[in-house]
Amino acid sequence: MLFSFENIQLHGVGGPRLAVRHLQIPADGMSVIVGPSGAGKSTLLRLCNRLEVADSGAIEFHGVDLNATPVLDLRRAVGMVFQEPVRFGGTVLDNLREADGLINDEAARMLLERVGLDGSFLSRLADELSGGEAQRMCIARALATGPELLLMDEPTSSLDPAATQLIEQQAIALTEAGMPVLWVTHDTAQMQRIASRVICLIDGAVAYEGPASGLFDSQEPEIVAFLAEQTS
């Protein structure tokens, strides 16, 4: 297993933010965390690279206590793409060198090709990219450290349908090439398009885990209510 969560508790000002008794994330395919706003989806994702730390419980990465791995080593192994594209000043090449200061033009060009951008983008200013182009640049930058997996936190929520489709296709291509992806979304239609496995969070707890089709068969009232909101 890629990640294992046991008896995770994380509290906030207003009460529990997460209460996950047991959860395992497989080391392949596209695992999608879905649920309503405020369910704890992004929080669970951020626990995976220690942008957040649980108050109690244990998280293992490849069977090793997550806290035993130095933070910088962990974040090189666990790449992350955020909801809004994070652009640094300068060119696309400059942005890739924020992740790997020694990357050469050819290696940078190959990274861009993995996310569907050609080599001409290396000299483009990051601030002049469209939202979809900038997000693909961010995926390339996350890949520059040679991670074992990618965490993707609603990476298409601010993109148009065409750009969303491109990002989804690139993420699926990464999983088909052997890199697991853990993707957060509140959109069940997107979940159906991309997921090989689904974790549904409701009020900070795991309400369902399994194939996407099984979520729609659930009779749990909180899941039924969430799915009804998606179609209303």
C-alpha atoms as a PDB file:
ATOM      1  CA  MET A   1       0.000   0.000   0.000  1.00  0.00           C
ATOM      2  CA  LEU A   2       1.072   3.556  -0.693  1.00  0.00           C
ATOM      3  CA  PHE A   3      -0.484   5.177   2.390  1.00  0.00           C
ATOM      4  CA  SER A   4      -2.124   3.648   5.430  1.00  0.00           C
ATOM      5  CA  PHE A   5      -4.136   5.726   7.917  1.00  0.00           C
ATOM      6  CA  GLU A   6      -5.026   4.358  11.351  1.00  0.00           C
ATOM      7  CA  ASN A   7      -7.163   6.166  13.933  1.00  0.00           C
ATOM      8  CA  ILE A   8      -6.396   9.623  12.540  1.00  0.00           C
ATOM      9  CA  GLN A   9      -7.844  12.531  14.481  1.00  0.00           C
ATOM     10  CA  LEU A  10      -7.397  16.166  13.509  1.00  0.00           C
ATOM     11  CA  HIS A  11      -9.242  18.908  15.364  1.00  0.00           C
ATOM     12  CA  GLY A  12      -9.983  22.505  14.459  1.00  0.00           C
ATOM     13  CA  VAL A  13     -11.484  25.493  16.237  1.00  0.00           C
ATOM     14  CA  GLY A  14     -15.013  24.313  15.564  1.00  0.00           C
ATOM     15  CA  GLY A  15     -14.452  20.635  16.385  1.00  0.00           C
ATOM     16  CA  PRO A  16     -13.128  17.559  14.550  1.00  0.00           C
ATOM     17  CA  ARG A  17     -11.850  18.137  11.022  1.00  0.00           C
ATOM     18  CA  LEU A  18     -10.933  14.511  10.347  1.00  0.00           C
ATOM     19  CA  ALA A  19     -11.744  11.240  12.085  1.00  0.00           C
ATOM     20  CA  VAL A  20     -10.427   8.411   9.912  1.00  0.00           C
ATOM     21  CA  ARG A  21     -10.366   5.024  11.631  1.00  0.00           C
ATOM     22  CA  HIS A  22      -8.799   3.019   8.813  1.00  0.00           C
ATOM     23  CA  LEU A  23      -7.920   3.841   5.224  1.00  0.00           C
ATOM     24  CA  GLN A  24      -5.457   2.474   2.691  1.00  0.00           C
ATOM     25  CA  ILE A  25      -4.398   4.123  -0.577  1.00  0.00           C
ATOM     26  CA  PRO A  26      -3.123   1.666  -3.206  1.00  0.00           C
ATOM     27  CA  ALA A  27       0.200   2.172  -4.966  1.00  0.00           C
ATOM     28  CA  ASP A  28      -1.278   2.302  -8.454  1.00  0.00           C
ATOM     29  CA  GLY A  29      -3.990   3.927 -10.509  1.00  0.00           C
ATOM     30  CA  MET A  30      -6.071   7.022  -9.846  1.00  0.00           C
ATOM     31  CA  SER A  31      -7.518   7.238  -6.344  1.00  0.00           C
ATOM     32  CA  VAL A  32     -10.089  10.021  -6.095  1.00  0.00           C
ATOM     33  CA  ILE A  33     -11.168  11.637  -2.831  1.00  0.00           C
ATOM     34  CA  VAL A  34     -14.678  12.993  -3.273  1.00  0.00           C
ATOM     35  CA  GLY A  35     -17.230  14.606  -1.009  1.00  0.00           C
ATOM     36  CA  PRO A  36     -19.035  17.848  -0.252  1.00  0.00           C
ATOM     37  CA  SER A  37     -17.260  21.105   0.552  1.00  0.00           C
ATOM     38  CA  GLY A  38     -15.819  21.048   4.067  1.00  0.00           C
ATOM     39  CA  ALA A  39     -15.724  17.247   4.237  1.00  0.00           C
ATOM     40  CA  GLY A  40     -11.957  17.151   4.844  1.00  0.00           C
ATOM     41  CA  LYS A  41     -10.803  16.142   1.367  1.00  0.00           C
ATOM     42  CA  SER A  42      -7.938  18.620   1.030  1.00  0.00           C
ATOM     43  CA  THR A  43      -6.980  18.088   4.665  1.00  0.00           C
ATOM     44  CA  LEU A  44      -6.582  14.354   4.093  1.00  0.00           C
ATOM     45  CA  LEU A  45      -4.486  15.063   0.999  1.00  0.00           C
ATOM     46  CA  ARG A  46      -2.247  17.512   2.846  1.00  0.00           C
ATOM     47  CA  LEU A  47      -1.565  14.943   5.558  1.00  0.00           C
ATOM     48  CA  CYS A  48       0.161  12.848   2.888  1.00  0.00           C
ATOM     49  CA  ASN A  49       3.079  15.274   2.529  1.00  0.00           C
ATOM     50  CA  ARG A  50       2.897  16.769   6.031  1.00  0.00           C
ATOM     51  CA  LEU A  51       1.505  20.129   5.036  1.00  0.00           C
ATOM     52  CA  GLU A  52      -0.856  19.198   7.867  1.00  0.00           C
ATOM     53  CA  VAL A  53      -0.104  16.954  10.851  1.00  0.00           C
ATOM     54  CA  ALA A  54      -2.668  14.810  12.662  1.00  0.00           C
ATOM     55  CA  ASP A  55      -3.293  15.300  16.364  1.00  0.00           C
ATOM     56  CA  SER A  56      -3.289  11.550  16.914  1.00  0.00           C
ATOM     57  CA  GLY A  57      -3.112   8.275  15.030  1.00  0.00           C
ATOM     58  CA  ALA A  58      -0.577   6.869  12.583  1.00  0.00           C
ATOM     59  CA  ILE A  59       0.124   7.354   8.879  1.00  0.00           C
ATOM     60  CA  GLU A  60       2.488   5.051   7.013  1.00  0.00           C
ATOM     61  CA  PHE A  61       4.080   5.632   3.613  1.00  0.00           C
ATOM     62  CA  HIS A  62       5.188   2.348   2.026  1.00  0.00           C
ATOM     63  CA  GLY A  63       4.859   0.750   5.441  1.00  0.00           C
ATOM     64  CA  VAL A  64       7.110   3.291   7.195  1.00  0.00           C
ATOM     65  CA  ASP A  65       5.942   5.897   9.707  1.00  0.00           C
ATOM     66  CA  LEU A  66       5.423   9.098   7.730  1.00  0.00           C
ATOM     67  CA  ASN A  67       6.982  11.134  10.527  1.00  0.00           C
ATOM     68  CA  ALA A  68      10.212   9.144  10.219  1.00  0.00           C
ATOM     69  CA  THR A  69      10.863  10.552   6.742  1.00  0.00           C
ATOM     70  CA  PRO A  70      12.569  13.980   6.594  1.00  0.00           C
ATOM     71  CA  VAL A  71      10.067  16.535   5.301  1.00  0.00           C
ATOM     72  CA  LEU A  72      12.152  17.642   2.296  1.00  0.00           C
ATOM     73  CA  ASP A  73      12.749  14.036   1.224  1.00  0.00           C
ATOM     74  CA  LEU A  74       9.036  13.299   1.599  1.00  0.00           C
ATOM     75  CA  ARG A  75       8.001  16.292  -0.504  1.00  0.00           C
ATOM     76  CA  ARG A  76      10.394  15.309  -3.278  1.00  0.00           C
ATOM     77  CA  ALA A  77       8.877  11.828  -3.276  1.00  0.00           C
ATOM     78  CA  VAL A  78       5.278  13.075  -2.990  1.00  0.00           C
ATOM     79  CA  GLY A  79       4.669  15.793  -5.582  1.00  0.00           C
ATOM     80  CA  MET A  80       1.727  18.147  -5.170  1.00  0.00           C
ATOM     81  CA  VAL A  81      -0.360  20.224  -7.569  1.00  0.00           C
ATOM     82  CA  PHE A  82      -2.617  22.817  -5.968  1.00  0.00           C
ATOM     83  CA  GLN A  83      -6.049  24.138  -6.889  1.00  0.00           C
ATOM     84  CA  GLU A  84      -4.687  27.393  -8.304  1.00  0.00           C
ATOM     85  CA  PRO A  85      -1.531  27.240 -10.466  1.00  0.00           C
ATOM     86  CA  VAL A  86       1.433  28.570  -8.489  1.00  0.00           C
ATOM     87  CA  ARG A  87       3.629  30.602 -10.861  1.00  0.00           C
ATOM     88  CA  PHE A  88       7.074  31.860  -9.989  1.00  0.00           C
ATOM     89  CA  GLY A  89       8.570  34.846 -11.806  1.00  0.00           C
ATOM     90  CA  GLY A  90      10.401  34.392 -15.075  1.00  0.00           C
ATOM     91  CA  THR A  91      10.035  31.786 -17.785  1.00  0.00           C
ATOM     92  CA  VAL A  92       8.617  28.290 -17.729  1.00  0.00           C
ATOM     93  CA  LEU A  93      12.196  27.001 -17.633  1.00  0.00           C
ATOM     94  CA  ASP A  94      12.862  29.190 -14.595  1.00  0.00           C
ATOM     95  CA  ASN A  95       9.815  27.645 -12.951  1.00  0.00           C
ATOM     96  CA  LEU A  96      11.029  24.115 -13.609  1.00  0.00           C
ATOM     97  CA  ARG A  97      14.391  25.061 -12.117  1.00  0.00           C
ATOM     98  CA  GLU A  98      12.623  26.038  -8.902  1.00  0.00           C
ATOM     99  CA  ALA A  99      12.123  22.284  -8.444  1.00  0.00           C
ATOM    100  CA  ASP A 100      15.422  21.125  -9.958  1.00  0.00           C
ATOM    101  CA  GLY A 101      18.078  23.814 -10.220  1.00  0.00           C
ATOM    102  CA  LEU A 102      20.289  21.600 -12.388  1.00  0.00           C
ATOM    103  CA  ILE A 103      17.738  20.649 -15.017  1.00  0.00           C
ATOM    104  CA  ASN A 104      18.987  21.235 -18.572  1.00  0.00           C
ATOM    105  CA  ASP A 105      16.971  22.345 -21.564  1.00  0.00           C
ATOM    106  CA  GLU A 106      16.545  18.853 -23.001  1.00  0.00           C
ATOM    107  CA  ALA A 107      15.334  17.335 -19.725  1.00  0.00           C
ATOM    108  CA  ALA A 108      12.995  20.303 -19.250  1.00  0.00           C
ATOM    109  CA  ARG A 109      11.635  19.854 -22.763  1.00  0.00           C
ATOM    110  CA  MET A 110      10.942  16.183 -22.051  1.00  0.00           C
ATOM    111  CA  LEU A 111       9.057  17.125 -18.883  1.00  0.00           C
ATOM    112  CA  LEU A 112       6.859  19.539 -20.811  1.00  0.00           C
ATOM    113  CA  GLU A 113       6.132  16.880 -23.407  1.00  0.00           C
ATOM    114  CA  ARG A 114       4.894  14.580 -20.631  1.00  0.00           C
ATOM    115  CA  VAL A 115       2.188  17.139 -19.833  1.00  0.00           C
ATOM    116  CA  GLY A 116       1.310  17.988 -23.415  1.00  0.00           C
ATOM    117  CA  LEU A 117       3.345  21.181 -23.875  1.00  0.00           C
ATOM    118  CA  ASP A 118       6.029  21.527 -26.533  1.00  0.00           C
ATOM    119  CA  GLY A 119       9.539  22.859 -26.100  1.00  0.00           C
ATOM    120  CA  SER A 120       8.627  26.346 -27.267  1.00  0.00           C
ATOM    121  CA  PHE A 121       7.024  26.916 -23.848  1.00  0.00           C
ATOM    122  CA  LEU A 122      10.414  26.880 -22.122  1.00  0.00           C
ATOM    123  CA  SER A 123      11.033  30.510 -23.047  1.00  0.00           C
ATOM    124  CA  ARG A 124       7.464  31.664 -22.393  1.00  0.00           C
ATOM    125  CA  LEU A 125       6.846  33.866 -19.363  1.00  0.00           C
ATOM    126  CA  ALA A 126       4.890  31.947 -16.741  1.00  0.00           C
ATOM    127  CA  ASP A 127       2.649  34.969 -16.082  1.00  0.00           C
ATOM    128  CA  GLU A 128       1.530  34.947 -19.722  1.00  0.00           C
ATOM    129  CA  LEU A 129       0.280  31.355 -19.745  1.00  0.00           C
ATOM    130  CA  SER A 130      -3.409  30.516 -19.766  1.00  0.00           C
ATOM    131  CA  GLY A 131      -4.845  28.826 -16.691  1.00  0.00           C
ATOM    132  CA  GLY A 132      -4.679  25.378 -18.283  1.00  0.00           C
ATOM    133  CA  GLU A 133      -1.137  25.913 -19.572  1.00  0.00           C
ATOM    134  CA  ALA A 134      -0.010  27.162 -16.166  1.00  0.00           C
ATOM    135  CA  GLN A 135      -1.509  24.140 -14.429  1.00  0.00           C
ATOM    136  CA  ARG A 136       0.267  21.775 -16.827  1.00  0.00           C
ATOM    137  CA  MET A 137       3.497  23.676 -16.145  1.00  0.00           C
ATOM    138  CA  CYS A 138       2.885  23.092 -12.432  1.00  0.00           C
ATOM    139  CA  ILE A 139       2.445  19.366 -13.059  1.00  0.00           C
ATOM    140  CA  ALA A 140       5.733  19.345 -14.998  1.00  0.00           C
ATOM    141  CA  ARG A 141       7.411  21.199 -12.130  1.00  0.00           C
ATOM    142  CA  ALA A 142       6.067  18.650  -9.646  1.00  0.00           C
ATOM    143  CA  LEU A 143       7.464  15.875 -11.853  1.00  0.00           C
ATOM    144  CA  ALA A 144      10.899  17.538 -11.989  1.00  0.00           C
ATOM    145  CA  THR A 145      11.850  16.093  -8.592  1.00  0.00           C
ATOM    146  CA  GLY A 146      11.168  12.543  -9.790  1.00  0.00           C
ATOM    147  CA  PRO A 147       8.297  11.863  -7.366  1.00  0.00           C
ATOM    148  CA  GLU A 148       6.783   8.460  -6.709  1.00  0.00           C
ATOM    149  CA  LEU A 149       3.266   9.870  -6.892  1.00  0.00           C
ATOM    150  CA  LEU A 150       1.293  13.063  -7.371  1.00  0.00           C
ATOM    151  CA  LEU A 151      -1.228  14.660  -5.049  1.00  0.00           C
ATOM    152  CA  MET A 152      -3.700  16.834  -6.991  1.00  0.00           C
ATOM    153  CA  ASP A 153      -5.993  19.148  -5.018  1.00  0.00           C
ATOM    154  CA  GLU A 154      -8.952  20.079  -7.251  1.00  0.00           C
ATOM    155  CA  PRO A 155      -6.490  21.026 -10.023  1.00  0.00           C
ATOM    156  CA  THR A 156      -9.206  21.806 -12.585  1.00  0.00           C
ATOM    157  CA  SER A 157     -11.737  23.687 -10.441  1.00  0.00           C
ATOM    158  CA  SER A 158     -10.926  27.065 -12.013  1.00  0.00           C
ATOM    159  CA  LEU A 159     -10.373  25.815 -15.568  1.00  0.00           C
ATOM    160  CA  ASP A 160     -12.680  25.721 -18.573  1.00  0.00           C
ATOM    161  CA  PRO A 161     -13.954  22.350 -19.899  1.00  0.00           C
ATOM    162  CA  ALA A 162     -11.288  22.068 -22.617  1.00  0.00           C
ATOM    163  CA  ALA A 163      -8.414  22.702 -20.199  1.00  0.00           C
ATOM    164  CA  THR A 164     -10.029  20.380 -17.645  1.00  0.00           C
ATOM    165  CA  GLN A 165     -10.144  17.579 -20.196  1.00  0.00           C
ATOM    166  CA  LEU A 166      -6.448  18.049 -21.008  1.00  0.00           C
ATOM    167  CA  ILE A 167      -5.427  17.930 -17.334  1.00  0.00           C
ATOM    168  CA  GLU A 168      -7.536  14.823 -16.749  1.00  0.00           C
ATOM    169  CA  GLN A 169      -6.009  13.121 -19.781  1.00  0.00           C
ATOM    170  CA  GLN A 170      -2.477  13.956 -18.663  1.00  0.00           C
ATOM    171  CA  ALA A 171      -3.141  12.625 -15.160  1.00  0.00           C
ATOM    172  CA  ILE A 172      -4.604   9.400 -16.552  1.00  0.00           C
ATOM    173  CA  ALA A 173      -1.560   9.045 -18.823  1.00  0.00           C
ATOM    174  CA  LEU A 174       0.708   9.352 -15.783  1.00  0.00           C
ATOM    175  CA  THR A 175      -1.140   6.555 -13.992  1.00  0.00           C
ATOM    176  CA  GLU A 176      -0.968   4.384 -17.099  1.00  0.00           C
ATOM    177  CA  ALA A 177       2.799   4.960 -17.131  1.00  0.00           C
ATOM    178  CA  GLY A 178       2.989   3.658 -13.563  1.00  0.00           C
ATOM    179  CA  MET A 179       2.710   6.775 -11.384  1.00  0.00           C
ATOM    180  CA  PRO A 180      -0.139   6.692  -8.851  1.00  0.00           C
ATOM    181  CA  VAL A 181      -2.227   9.846  -8.499  1.00  0.00           C
ATOM    182  CA  LEU A 182      -4.356  10.891  -5.516  1.00  0.00           C
ATOM    183  CA  TRP A 183      -6.881  13.466  -6.773  1.00  0.00           C
ATOM    184  CA  VAL A 184      -9.372  15.556  -4.781  1.00  0.00           C
ATOM    185  CA  THR A 185     -12.647  16.713  -6.301  1.00  0.00           C
ATOM    186  CA  HIS A 186     -16.192  17.548  -5.234  1.00  0.00           C
ATOM    187  CA  ASP A 187     -17.418  16.744  -8.778  1.00  0.00           C
ATOM    188  CA  THR A 188     -18.849  13.224  -9.107  1.00  0.00           C
ATOM    189  CA  ALA A 189     -18.956  13.513 -12.919  1.00  0.00           C
ATOM    190  CA  GLN A 190     -15.207  14.099 -12.934  1.00  0.00           C
ATOM    191  CA  MET A 191     -14.769  11.263 -10.466  1.00  0.00           C
ATOM    192  CA  GLN A 192     -16.538   8.900 -12.855  1.00  0.00           C
ATOM    193  CA  ARG A 193     -14.296   9.961 -15.737  1.00  0.00           C
ATOM    194  CA  ILE A 194     -10.976   9.442 -14.001  1.00  0.00           C
ATOM    195  CA  ALA A 195     -11.223   7.251 -10.888  1.00  0.00           C
ATOM    196  CA  SER A 196      -9.974   3.711 -10.549  1.00  0.00           C
ATOM    197  CA  ARG A 197     -10.873   3.865  -6.843  1.00  0.00           C
ATOM    198  CA  VAL A 198     -12.954   6.292  -4.772  1.00  0.00           C
ATOM    199  CA  ILE A 199     -12.771   7.499  -1.177  1.00  0.00           C
ATOM    200  CA  CYS A 200     -15.870   9.465  -0.180  1.00  0.00           C
ATOM    201  CA  LEU A 201     -15.518  11.730   2.861  1.00  0.00           C
ATOM    202  CA  ILE A 202     -18.510  13.081   4.718  1.00  0.00           C
ATOM    203  CA  ASP A 203     -17.998  15.321   7.771  1.00  0.00           C
ATOM    204  CA  GLY A 204     -14.365  14.283   8.069  1.00  0.00           C
ATOM    205  CA  ALA A 205     -15.013  10.530   8.078  1.00  0.00           C
ATOM    206  CA  VAL A 206     -14.739   7.870   5.376  1.00  0.00           C
ATOM    207  CA  ALA A 207     -18.291   7.097   4.268  1.00  0.00           C
ATOM    208  CA  TYR A 208     -17.305   4.886   1.337  1.00  0.00           C
ATOM    209  CA  GLU A 209     -14.220   3.423  -0.316  1.00  0.00           C
ATOM    210  CA  GLY A 210     -14.194   1.226  -3.383  1.00  0.00           C
ATOM    211  CA  PRO A 211     -14.991   1.419  -7.104  1.00  0.00           C
ATOM    212  CA  ALA A 212     -16.777   4.505  -8.383  1.00  0.00           C
ATOM    213  CA  SER A 213     -19.847   2.504  -9.405  1.00  0.00           C
ATOM    214  CA  GLY A 214     -20.367   1.318  -5.833  1.00  0.00           C
ATOM    215  CA  LEU A 215     -20.739   4.860  -4.545  1.00  0.00           C
ATOM    216  CA  PHE A 216     -23.955   5.260  -6.533  1.00  0.00           C
ATOM    217  CA  ASP A 217     -25.328   2.017  -5.098  1.00  0.00           C
ATOM    218  CA  SER A 218     -24.875   3.192  -1.509  1.00  0.00           C
ATOM    219  CA  GLN A 219     -27.967   3.597   0.637  1.00  0.00           C
ATOM    220  CA  GLU A 220     -26.151   5.552   3.353  1.00  0.00           C
ATOM    221  CA  PRO A 221     -28.268   8.681   3.923  1.00  0.00           C
ATOM    222  CA  GLU A 222     -25.323  11.098   3.926  1.00  0.00           C
ATOM    223  CA  ILE A 223     -24.030   9.700   0.621  1.00  0.00           C
ATOM    224  CA  VAL A 224     -27.494   9.756  -0.928  1.00  0.00           C
ATOM    225  CA  ALA A 225     -27.831  13.417   0.124  1.00  0.00           C
ATOM    226  CA  PHE A 226     -24.408  14.314  -1.321  1.00  0.00           C
ATOM    227  CA  LEU A 227     -25.190  12.647  -4.651  1.00  0.00           C
ATOM    228  CA  ALA A 228     -28.597  14.365  -4.766  1.00  0.00           C
ATOM    229  CA  GLU A 229     -26.868  17.752  -4.359  1.00  0.00           C
ATOM    230  CA  GLN A 230     -24.635  16.917  -7.324  1.00  0.00           C
ATOM    231  CA  THR A 231     -27.609  16.362  -9.625  1.00  0.00           C
ATOM    232  CA  SER A 232     -29.803  19.221  -8.383  1.00  0.00           C
END
